[in-house]
PDB file of all heavy atoms in Angstrom:
ATOM      1  N   VAL A   1    -212.676 -64.845 -48.541  1.00  0.00           N
ATOM      2  CA  VAL A   1    -213.353 -63.744 -49.231  1.00  0.00           C
ATOM      3  C   VAL A   1    -212.636 -63.306 -50.380  1.00  0.00           C
ATOM      4  O   VAL A   1    -213.148 -63.013 -51.501  1.00  0.00           O
ATOM      5  CB  VAL A   1    -213.674 -62.521 -48.241  1.00  0.00           C
ATOM      6  CG1 VAL A   1    -214.251 -61.390 -48.960  1.00  0.00           C
ATOM      7  CG2 VAL A   1    -214.599 -62.961 -47.125  1.00  0.00           C
ATOM      8  N   LEU A   2    -211.317 -63.208 -50.306  1.00  0.00           N
ATOM      9  CA  LEU A   2    -210.419 -62.762 -51.436  1.00  0.00           C
ATOM     10  C   LEU A   2    -210.522 -63.791 -52.495  1.00  0.00           C
ATOM     11  O   LEU A   2    -210.592 -63.385 -53.658  1.00  0.00           O
ATOM     12  CB  LEU A   2    -209.016 -62.644 -51.024  1.00  0.00           C
ATOM     13  CG  LEU A   2    -208.734 -61.510 -49.966  1.00  0.00           C
ATOM     14  CD1 LEU A   2    -207.270 -61.539 -49.580  1.00  0.00           C
ATOM     15  CD2 LEU A   2    -209.109 -60.208 -50.462  1.00  0.00           C
ATOM     16  N   LEU A   3    -210.578 -65.067 -52.272  1.00  0.00           N
ATOM     17  CA  LEU A   3    -210.602 -66.118 -53.281  1.00  0.00           C
ATOM     18  C   LEU A   3    -211.961 -66.057 -54.027  1.00  0.00           C
ATOM     19  O   LEU A   3    -211.987 -66.158 -55.189  1.00  0.00           O
ATOM     20  CB  LEU A   3    -210.441 -67.476 -52.567  1.00  0.00           C
ATOM     21  CG  LEU A   3    -210.448 -68.659 -53.565  1.00  0.00           C
ATOM     22  CD1 LEU A   3    -209.244 -68.533 -54.498  1.00  0.00           C
ATOM     23  CD2 LEU A   3    -210.263 -69.992 -52.790  1.00  0.00           C
ATOM     24  N   ALA A   4    -213.023 -65.832 -53.163  1.00  0.00           N
ATOM     25  CA  ALA A   4    -214.388 -65.678 -53.898  1.00  0.00           C
ATOM     26  C   ALA A   4    -214.417 -64.456 -54.798  1.00  0.00           C
ATOM     27  O   ALA A   4    -214.968 -64.542 -55.928  1.00  0.00           O
ATOM     28  CB  ALA A   4    -215.499 -65.600 -52.807  1.00  0.00           C
ATOM     29  N   ALA A   5    -213.845 -63.358 -54.336  1.00  0.00           N
ATOM     30  CA  ALA A   5    -213.786 -62.199 -55.183  1.00  0.00           C
ATOM     31  C   ALA A   5    -212.913 -62.329 -56.442  1.00  0.00           C
ATOM     32  O   ALA A   5    -213.314 -61.943 -57.543  1.00  0.00           O
ATOM     33  CB  ALA A   5    -213.162 -60.962 -54.401  1.00  0.00           C
ATOM     34  N   GLN A   6    -211.830 -63.095 -56.276  1.00  0.00           N
ATOM     35  CA  GLN A   6    -210.974 -63.347 -57.457  1.00  0.00           C
ATOM     36  C   GLN A   6    -211.733 -64.152 -58.480  1.00  0.00           C
ATOM     37  O   GLN A   6    -211.562 -63.936 -59.633  1.00  0.00           O
ATOM     38  CB  GLN A   6    -209.679 -64.117 -56.907  1.00  0.00           C
ATOM     39  CG  GLN A   6    -208.690 -64.430 -58.066  1.00  0.00           C
ATOM     40  CD  GLN A   6    -208.107 -63.174 -58.671  1.00  0.00           C
ATOM     41  OE1 GLN A   6    -207.442 -62.457 -57.963  1.00  0.00           O
ATOM     42  NE2 GLN A   6    -208.364 -62.891 -59.906  1.00  0.00           N
ATOM     43  N   LYS A   7    -212.490 -65.136 -58.066  1.00  0.00           N
ATOM     44  CA  LYS A   7    -213.255 -66.005 -58.929  1.00  0.00           C
ATOM     45  C   LYS A   7    -214.285 -65.191 -59.799  1.00  0.00           C
ATOM     46  O   LYS A   7    -214.480 -65.344 -60.990  1.00  0.00           O
ATOM     47  CB  LYS A   7    -213.985 -67.146 -58.210  1.00  0.00           C
ATOM     48  CG  LYS A   7    -213.099 -68.295 -57.791  1.00  0.00           C
ATOM     49  CD  LYS A   7    -213.880 -69.308 -57.061  1.00  0.00           C
ATOM     50  CE  LYS A   7    -212.909 -70.469 -56.602  1.00  0.00           C
ATOM     51  NZ  LYS A   7    -213.625 -71.431 -55.802  1.00  0.00           N
ATOM     52  N   VAL A   8    -214.923 -64.261 -59.129  1.00  0.00           N
ATOM     53  CA  VAL A   8    -215.931 -63.386 -59.782  1.00  0.00           C
ATOM     54  C   VAL A   8    -215.156 -62.469 -60.783  1.00  0.00           C
ATOM     55  O   VAL A   8    -215.530 -62.270 -61.895  1.00  0.00           O
ATOM     56  CB  VAL A   8    -216.629 -62.421 -58.705  1.00  0.00           C
ATOM     57  CG1 VAL A   8    -217.478 -61.500 -59.455  1.00  0.00           C
ATOM     58  CG2 VAL A   8    -217.496 -63.321 -57.923  1.00  0.00           C
ATOM     59  N   MET A   9    -214.114 -61.848 -60.424  1.00  0.00           N
ATOM     60  CA  MET A   9    -213.355 -60.887 -61.183  1.00  0.00           C
ATOM     61  C   MET A   9    -212.684 -61.543 -62.391  1.00  0.00           C
ATOM     62  O   MET A   9    -212.440 -61.048 -63.371  1.00  0.00           O
ATOM     63  CB  MET A   9    -212.317 -60.104 -60.284  1.00  0.00           C
ATOM     64  CG  MET A   9    -212.974 -59.196 -59.365  1.00  0.00           C
ATOM     65  SD  MET A   9    -214.245 -58.061 -60.062  1.00  0.00           S
ATOM     66  CE  MET A   9    -213.279 -57.106 -61.249  1.00  0.00           C
ATOM     67  N   ASN A  10    -212.279 -62.790 -62.130  1.00  0.00           N
ATOM     68  CA  ASN A  10    -211.802 -63.669 -63.434  1.00  0.00           C
ATOM     69  C   ASN A  10    -212.694 -63.625 -64.499  1.00  0.00           C
ATOM     70  O   ASN A  10    -212.311 -63.684 -65.687  1.00  0.00           O
ATOM     71  CB  ASN A  10    -211.373 -65.028 -62.964  1.00  0.00           C
ATOM     72  CG  ASN A  10    -210.025 -65.119 -62.175  1.00  0.00           C
ATOM     73  OD1 ASN A  10    -209.234 -64.215 -62.188  1.00  0.00           O
ATOM     74  ND2 ASN A  10    -209.862 -66.257 -61.492  1.00  0.00           N
ATOM     75  N   LYS A  11    -213.993 -63.589 -64.229  1.00  0.00           N
ATOM     76  CA  LYS A  11    -214.986 -63.570 -65.270  1.00  0.00           C
ATOM     77  C   LYS A  11    -215.300 -62.267 -65.926  1.00  0.00           C
ATOM     78  O   LYS A  11    -215.753 -62.120 -67.053  1.00  0.00           O
ATOM     79  CB  LYS A  11    -216.284 -64.250 -64.686  1.00  0.00           C
ATOM     80  CG  LYS A  11    -216.290 -65.690 -64.339  1.00  0.00           C
ATOM     81  CD  LYS A  11    -217.533 -66.145 -63.604  1.00  0.00           C
ATOM     82  CE  LYS A  11    -217.270 -67.573 -63.099  1.00  0.00           C
ATOM     83  NZ  LYS A  11    -218.239 -67.946 -62.130  1.00  0.00           N
ATOM     84  N   GLN A  12    -215.168 -61.250 -65.164  1.00  0.00           N
ATOM     85  CA  GLN A  12    -215.455 -59.913 -65.581  1.00  0.00           C
ATOM     86  C   GLN A  12    -214.365 -58.846 -65.737  1.00  0.00           C
ATOM     87  O   GLN A  12    -214.651 -57.731 -66.058  1.00  0.00           O
ATOM     88  CB  GLN A  12    -216.605 -59.419 -64.758  1.00  0.00           C
ATOM     89  CG  GLN A  12    -216.261 -59.113 -63.291  1.00  0.00           C
ATOM     90  CD  GLN A  12    -217.531 -58.808 -62.415  1.00  0.00           C
ATOM     91  OE1 GLN A  12    -218.453 -59.588 -62.396  1.00  0.00           O
ATOM     92  NE2 GLN A  12    -217.555 -57.711 -61.661  1.00  0.00           N
ATOM     93  N   GLY A  13    -213.166 -59.296 -65.357  1.00  0.00           N
ATOM     94  CA  GLY A  13    -212.126 -58.233 -65.416  1.00  0.00           C
ATOM     95  C   GLY A  13    -210.864 -58.767 -64.643  1.00  0.00           C
ATOM     96  O   GLY A  13    -210.471 -59.939 -64.792  1.00  0.00           O
ATOM     97  N   LYS A  14    -210.344 -57.837 -63.858  1.00  0.00           N
ATOM     98  CA  LYS A  14    -209.127 -58.197 -62.984  1.00  0.00           C
ATOM     99  C   LYS A  14    -209.217 -57.713 -61.576  1.00  0.00           C
ATOM    100  O   LYS A  14    -209.969 -56.722 -61.320  1.00  0.00           O
ATOM    101  CB  LYS A  14    -207.881 -57.618 -63.726  1.00  0.00           C
ATOM    102  CG  LYS A  14    -207.856 -56.154 -63.762  1.00  0.00           C
ATOM    103  CD  LYS A  14    -206.579 -55.527 -64.308  1.00  0.00           C
ATOM    104  CE  LYS A  14    -206.661 -54.036 -64.306  1.00  0.00           C
ATOM    105  NZ  LYS A  14    -205.352 -53.446 -64.390  1.00  0.00           N
ATOM    106  N   MET A  15    -208.471 -58.360 -60.707  1.00  0.00           N
ATOM    107  CA  MET A  15    -208.371 -57.907 -59.342  1.00  0.00           C
ATOM    108  C   MET A  15    -206.878 -57.836 -58.983  1.00  0.00           C
ATOM    109  O   MET A  15    -206.109 -58.660 -59.313  1.00  0.00           O
ATOM    110  CB  MET A  15    -209.075 -59.017 -58.430  1.00  0.00           C
ATOM    111  CG  MET A  15    -208.965 -58.579 -56.924  1.00  0.00           C
ATOM    112  SD  MET A  15    -209.948 -59.741 -55.964  1.00  0.00           S
ATOM    113  CE  MET A  15    -208.610 -60.692 -55.242  1.00  0.00           C
ATOM    114  N   VAL A  16    -206.534 -56.648 -58.368  1.00  0.00           N
ATOM    115  CA  VAL A  16    -205.143 -56.336 -57.991  1.00  0.00           C
ATOM    116  C   VAL A  16    -205.178 -55.961 -56.471  1.00  0.00           C
ATOM    117  O   VAL A  16    -206.066 -55.301 -56.008  1.00  0.00           O
ATOM    118  CB  VAL A  16    -204.662 -55.193 -58.855  1.00  0.00           C
ATOM    119  CG1 VAL A  16    -203.282 -54.867 -58.289  1.00  0.00           C
ATOM    120  CG2 VAL A  16    -204.664 -55.570 -60.270  1.00  0.00           C
ATOM    121  N   ILE A  17    -204.163 -56.533 -55.791  1.00  0.00           N
ATOM    122  CA  ILE A  17    -203.970 -56.136 -54.370  1.00  0.00           C
ATOM    123  C   ILE A  17    -202.767 -55.416 -54.262  1.00  0.00           C
ATOM    124  O   ILE A  17    -201.703 -55.790 -54.743  1.00  0.00           O
ATOM    125  CB  ILE A  17    -203.906 -57.467 -53.469  1.00  0.00           C
ATOM    126  CG1 ILE A  17    -205.239 -58.209 -53.593  1.00  0.00           C
ATOM    127  CG2 ILE A  17    -203.643 -57.114 -51.968  1.00  0.00           C
ATOM    128  CD1 ILE A  17    -205.209 -59.582 -52.860  1.00  0.00           C
ATOM    129  N   ARG A  18    -202.863 -54.218 -53.674  1.00  0.00           N
ATOM    130  CA  ARG A  18    -201.690 -53.307 -53.562  1.00  0.00           C
ATOM    131  C   ARG A  18    -201.332 -53.017 -52.169  1.00  0.00           C
ATOM    132  O   ARG A  18    -202.176 -53.026 -51.231  1.00  0.00           O
ATOM    133  CB  ARG A  18    -202.098 -52.005 -54.270  1.00  0.00           C
ATOM    134  CG  ARG A  18    -202.224 -52.131 -55.715  1.00  0.00           C
ATOM    135  CD  ARG A  18    -202.346 -50.839 -56.453  1.00  0.00           C
ATOM    136  NE  ARG A  18    -202.464 -50.977 -57.896  1.00  0.00           N
ATOM    137  CZ  ARG A  18    -203.155 -50.314 -58.697  1.00  0.00           C
ATOM    138  NH1 ARG A  18    -203.787 -49.208 -58.243  1.00  0.00           N
ATOM    139  NH2 ARG A  18    -203.152 -50.581 -60.004  1.00  0.00           N
ATOM    140  N   HIS A  19    -200.092 -52.522 -51.975  1.00  0.00           N
ATOM    141  CA  HIS A  19    -199.579 -52.069 -50.663  1.00  0.00           C
ATOM    142  C   HIS A  19    -199.672 -53.124 -49.539  1.00  0.00           C
ATOM    143  O   HIS A  19    -200.128 -52.863 -48.540  1.00  0.00           O
ATOM    144  CB  HIS A  19    -200.218 -50.740 -50.224  1.00  0.00           C
ATOM    145  CG  HIS A  19    -200.231 -49.707 -51.269  1.00  0.00           C
ATOM    146  ND1 HIS A  19    -201.422 -49.164 -51.804  1.00  0.00           N
ATOM    147  CD2 HIS A  19    -199.228 -49.110 -51.905  1.00  0.00           C
ATOM    148  CE1 HIS A  19    -201.099 -48.227 -52.739  1.00  0.00           C
ATOM    149  NE2 HIS A  19    -199.760 -48.222 -52.842  1.00  0.00           N
ATOM    150  N   VAL A  20    -199.178 -54.329 -49.783  1.00  0.00           N
ATOM    151  CA  VAL A  20    -199.229 -55.440 -48.926  1.00  0.00           C
ATOM    152  C   VAL A  20    -198.020 -55.282 -48.017  1.00  0.00           C
ATOM    153  O   VAL A  20    -196.956 -55.222 -48.482  1.00  0.00           O
ATOM    154  CB  VAL A  20    -199.310 -56.763 -49.709  1.00  0.00           C
ATOM    155  CG1 VAL A  20    -199.286 -57.915 -48.677  1.00  0.00           C
ATOM    156  CG2 VAL A  20    -200.446 -56.855 -50.531  1.00  0.00           C
ATOM    157  N   ASN A  21    -198.280 -55.379 -46.671  1.00  0.00           N
ATOM    158  CA  ASN A  21    -197.180 -55.369 -45.718  1.00  0.00           C
ATOM    159  C   ASN A  21    -196.504 -56.700 -45.607  1.00  0.00           C
ATOM    160  O   ASN A  21    -196.937 -57.672 -46.269  1.00  0.00           O
ATOM    161  CB  ASN A  21    -197.577 -54.830 -44.352  1.00  0.00           C
ATOM    162  CG  ASN A  21    -198.571 -55.760 -43.567  1.00  0.00           C
ATOM    163  OD1 ASN A  21    -198.411 -57.003 -43.766  1.00  0.00           O
ATOM    164  ND2 ASN A  21    -199.391 -55.276 -42.790  1.00  0.00           N
ATOM    165  N   GLU A  22    -195.394 -56.802 -44.962  1.00  0.00           N
ATOM    166  CA  GLU A  22    -194.596 -57.955 -44.903  1.00  0.00           C
ATOM    167  C   GLU A  22    -195.351 -59.207 -44.239  1.00  0.00           C
ATOM    168  O   GLU A  22    -195.251 -60.363 -44.737  1.00  0.00           O
ATOM    169  CB  GLU A  22    -193.335 -57.679 -44.079  1.00  0.00           C
ATOM    170  CG  GLU A  22    -192.134 -58.661 -44.360  1.00  0.00           C
ATOM    171  CD  GLU A  22    -190.886 -58.222 -43.638  1.00  0.00           C
ATOM    172  OE1 GLU A  22    -190.403 -57.054 -43.910  1.00  0.00           O
ATOM    173  OE2 GLU A  22    -190.344 -59.051 -42.863  1.00  0.00           O
ATOM    174  N   THR A  23    -196.028 -58.911 -43.176  1.00  0.00           N
ATOM    175  CA  THR A  23    -196.854 -59.929 -42.548  1.00  0.00           C
ATOM    176  C   THR A  23    -197.913 -60.604 -43.361  1.00  0.00           C
ATOM    177  O   THR A  23    -198.014 -61.829 -43.481  1.00  0.00           O
ATOM    178  CB  THR A  23    -197.572 -59.390 -41.281  1.00  0.00           C
ATOM    179  OG1 THR A  23    -196.575 -58.764 -40.422  1.00  0.00           O
ATOM    180  CG2 THR A  23    -198.341 -60.445 -40.465  1.00  0.00           C
ATOM    181  N   ILE A  24    -198.639 -59.771 -44.146  1.00  0.00           N
ATOM    182  CA  ILE A  24    -199.695 -60.280 -44.968  1.00  0.00           C
ATOM    183  C   ILE A  24    -199.078 -60.944 -46.217  1.00  0.00           C
ATOM    184  O   ILE A  24    -199.535 -61.982 -46.707  1.00  0.00           O
ATOM    185  CB  ILE A  24    -200.721 -59.192 -45.325  1.00  0.00           C
ATOM    186  CG1 ILE A  24    -201.472 -58.813 -44.114  1.00  0.00           C
ATOM    187  CG2 ILE A  24    -201.611 -59.671 -46.445  1.00  0.00           C
ATOM    188  CD1 ILE A  24    -202.398 -57.601 -44.235  1.00  0.00           C
ATOM    189  N   SER A  25    -197.940 -60.358 -46.735  1.00  0.00           N
ATOM    190  CA  SER A  25    -197.243 -61.028 -47.823  1.00  0.00           C
ATOM    191  C   SER A  25    -196.791 -62.414 -47.427  1.00  0.00           C
ATOM    192  O   SER A  25    -196.833 -63.318 -48.296  1.00  0.00           O
ATOM    193  CB  SER A  25    -196.016 -60.188 -48.209  1.00  0.00           C
ATOM    194  OG  SER A  25    -195.330 -60.684 -49.265  1.00  0.00           O
ATOM    195  N   GLU A  26    -196.334 -62.578 -46.167  1.00  0.00           N
ATOM    196  CA  GLU A  26    -195.973 -63.903 -45.724  1.00  0.00           C
ATOM    197  C   GLU A  26    -197.121 -64.869 -45.704  1.00  0.00           C
ATOM    198  O   GLU A  26    -196.970 -66.043 -46.097  1.00  0.00           O
ATOM    199  CB  GLU A  26    -195.407 -63.798 -44.358  1.00  0.00           C
ATOM    200  CG  GLU A  26    -194.592 -64.980 -43.879  1.00  0.00           C
ATOM    201  CD  GLU A  26    -193.869 -64.646 -42.590  1.00  0.00           C
ATOM    202  OE1 GLU A  26    -192.946 -63.819 -42.502  1.00  0.00           O
ATOM    203  OE2 GLU A  26    -194.141 -65.388 -41.607  1.00  0.00           O
ATOM    204  N   VAL A  27    -198.281 -64.436 -45.257  1.00  0.00           N
ATOM    205  CA  VAL A  27    -199.547 -65.228 -45.398  1.00  0.00           C
ATOM    206  C   VAL A  27    -199.856 -65.725 -46.742  1.00  0.00           C
ATOM    207  O   VAL A  27    -200.107 -66.857 -47.029  1.00  0.00           O
ATOM    208  CB  VAL A  27    -200.707 -64.496 -44.777  1.00  0.00           C
ATOM    209  CG1 VAL A  27    -201.998 -65.208 -44.971  1.00  0.00           C
ATOM    210  CG2 VAL A  27    -200.522 -64.236 -43.238  1.00  0.00           C
ATOM    211  N   PHE A  28    -199.713 -64.814 -47.706  1.00  0.00           N
ATOM    212  CA  PHE A  28    -199.970 -65.042 -49.160  1.00  0.00           C
ATOM    213  C   PHE A  28    -198.933 -66.076 -49.590  1.00  0.00           C
ATOM    214  O   PHE A  28    -199.339 -67.018 -50.296  1.00  0.00           O
ATOM    215  CB  PHE A  28    -199.910 -63.873 -49.997  1.00  0.00           C
ATOM    216  CG  PHE A  28    -201.146 -62.915 -49.974  1.00  0.00           C
ATOM    217  CD1 PHE A  28    -200.937 -61.601 -50.063  1.00  0.00           C
ATOM    218  CD2 PHE A  28    -202.288 -63.482 -49.595  1.00  0.00           C
ATOM    219  CE1 PHE A  28    -202.013 -60.735 -50.031  1.00  0.00           C
ATOM    220  CE2 PHE A  28    -203.348 -62.466 -49.525  1.00  0.00           C
ATOM    221  CZ  PHE A  28    -203.312 -61.326 -49.707  1.00  0.00           C
ATOM    222  N   GLU A  29    -197.749 -66.026 -49.250  1.00  0.00           N
ATOM    223  CA  GLU A  29    -196.734 -67.001 -49.567  1.00  0.00           C
ATOM    224  C   GLU A  29    -196.884 -68.357 -49.046  1.00  0.00           C
ATOM    225  O   GLU A  29    -196.885 -69.349 -49.770  1.00  0.00           O
ATOM    226  CB  GLU A  29    -195.290 -66.469 -49.137  1.00  0.00           C
ATOM    227  CG  GLU A  29    -194.721 -65.225 -50.002  1.00  0.00           C
ATOM    228  CD  GLU A  29    -194.418 -65.647 -51.376  1.00  0.00           C
ATOM    229  OE1 GLU A  29    -193.999 -66.672 -51.743  1.00  0.00           O
ATOM    230  OE2 GLU A  29    -194.669 -64.719 -52.252  1.00  0.00           O
ATOM    231  N   ILE A  30    -197.119 -68.445 -47.839  1.00  0.00           N
ATOM    232  CA  ILE A  30    -197.333 -69.716 -47.068  1.00  0.00           C
ATOM    233  C   ILE A  30    -198.510 -70.455 -47.599  1.00  0.00           C
ATOM    234  O   ILE A  30    -198.522 -71.648 -47.797  1.00  0.00           O
ATOM    235  CB  ILE A  30    -197.454 -69.550 -45.543  1.00  0.00           C
ATOM    236  CG1 ILE A  30    -196.153 -69.071 -44.961  1.00  0.00           C
ATOM    237  CG2 ILE A  30    -197.932 -70.722 -44.828  1.00  0.00           C
ATOM    238  CD1 ILE A  30    -196.157 -68.575 -43.580  1.00  0.00           C
ATOM    239  N   THR A  31    -199.624 -69.682 -47.886  1.00  0.00           N
ATOM    240  CA  THR A  31    -200.881 -70.374 -48.363  1.00  0.00           C
ATOM    241  C   THR A  31    -200.948 -70.610 -49.828  1.00  0.00           C
ATOM    242  O   THR A  31    -201.783 -71.337 -50.345  1.00  0.00           O
ATOM    243  CB  THR A  31    -202.058 -69.463 -47.946  1.00  0.00           C
ATOM    244  OG1 THR A  31    -201.935 -68.119 -48.550  1.00  0.00           O
ATOM    245  CG2 THR A  31    -202.256 -69.338 -46.477  1.00  0.00           C
TER     246      THR A  31
END
């Protein structure tokens, strides 16, 4: 879902993710 949203926002502006905890940050790093 995040990837799909990023693709849409790349065309019309920007997408920012804030206040990411350590567990989710690790998921972003690994993937």
